[in-house]
């Protein structure tokens, strides 16, 4: 669980190239975050359902 949280925080951190912050449009950020969280929730639900 801690590994997944670390990866999530790492992916959500702003990307930097040579010290400059790369901006990402907010709607795309929320869409990607929501899709990722939904996928993780679905995977956990399927794993729990199988056991």
Protein backbone atom coordinates (compact mmCIF):
# COMPACT_ATOMS: atom_id res chain seq x y z
CA UNK A 1 0.00 0.00 0.00
CA UNK A 2 2.82 2.40 0.85
CA UNK A 3 4.47 1.67 -2.49
CA UNK A 4 1.27 2.55 -4.38
CA UNK A 5 0.90 5.79 -2.42
CA UNK A 6 4.51 6.72 -3.16
CA UNK A 7 3.99 6.07 -6.88
CA UNK A 8 0.78 8.12 -6.86
CA UNK A 9 2.54 11.06 -5.19
CA UNK A 10 5.46 10.74 -7.58
CA UNK A 11 3.16 10.83 -10.61
CA UNK A 12 1.21 13.79 -9.26
CA UNK A 13 4.35 15.85 -8.62
CA UNK A 14 5.00 18.58 -11.18
CA UNK A 15 7.36 17.57 -13.96
CA UNK A 16 10.52 19.62 -14.22
CA UNK A 17 12.96 20.04 -17.06
CA UNK A 18 16.18 21.88 -16.22
CA UNK A 19 14.51 23.56 -13.23
CA UNK A 20 11.52 24.88 -15.20
CA UNK A 21 8.05 23.73 -14.21
CA UNK A 22 6.03 22.25 -17.05
CA UNK A 23 2.40 23.27 -16.80
CA UNK A 24 -0.39 20.83 -17.61
CA UNK A 25 -3.91 21.96 -18.39
CA UNK A 26 -6.12 21.35 -15.35
CA UNK A 27 -9.01 19.50 -17.05
CA UNK A 28 -6.57 16.93 -18.45
CA UNK A 29 -4.94 16.53 -15.03
CA UNK A 30 -8.24 15.82 -13.31
CA UNK A 31 -9.33 13.44 -16.07
CA UNK A 32 -6.10 11.43 -15.84
CA UNK A 33 -6.18 11.38 -12.04
CA UNK A 34 -9.82 10.29 -12.00
CA UNK A 35 -9.21 7.58 -14.58
CA UNK A 36 -6.22 6.27 -12.63
CA UNK A 37 -8.09 6.22 -9.33
CA UNK A 38 -11.09 4.51 -10.94
CA UNK A 39 -8.79 1.88 -12.46
CA UNK A 40 -7.10 1.24 -9.13
CA UNK A 41 -10.49 0.96 -7.43
CA UNK A 42 -11.74 -1.47 -10.08
CA UNK A 43 -8.61 -3.59 -9.77
CA UNK A 44 -8.97 -3.73 -5.97
CA UNK A 45 -12.67 -4.62 -6.26
CA UNK A 46 -11.95 -7.41 -8.75
CA UNK A 47 -9.13 -8.77 -6.58
CA UNK A 48 -11.38 -8.73 -3.50
CA UNK A 49 -14.22 -10.37 -5.43
CA UNK A 50 -12.00 -13.25 -6.61
CA UNK A 51 -10.81 -14.11 -3.11
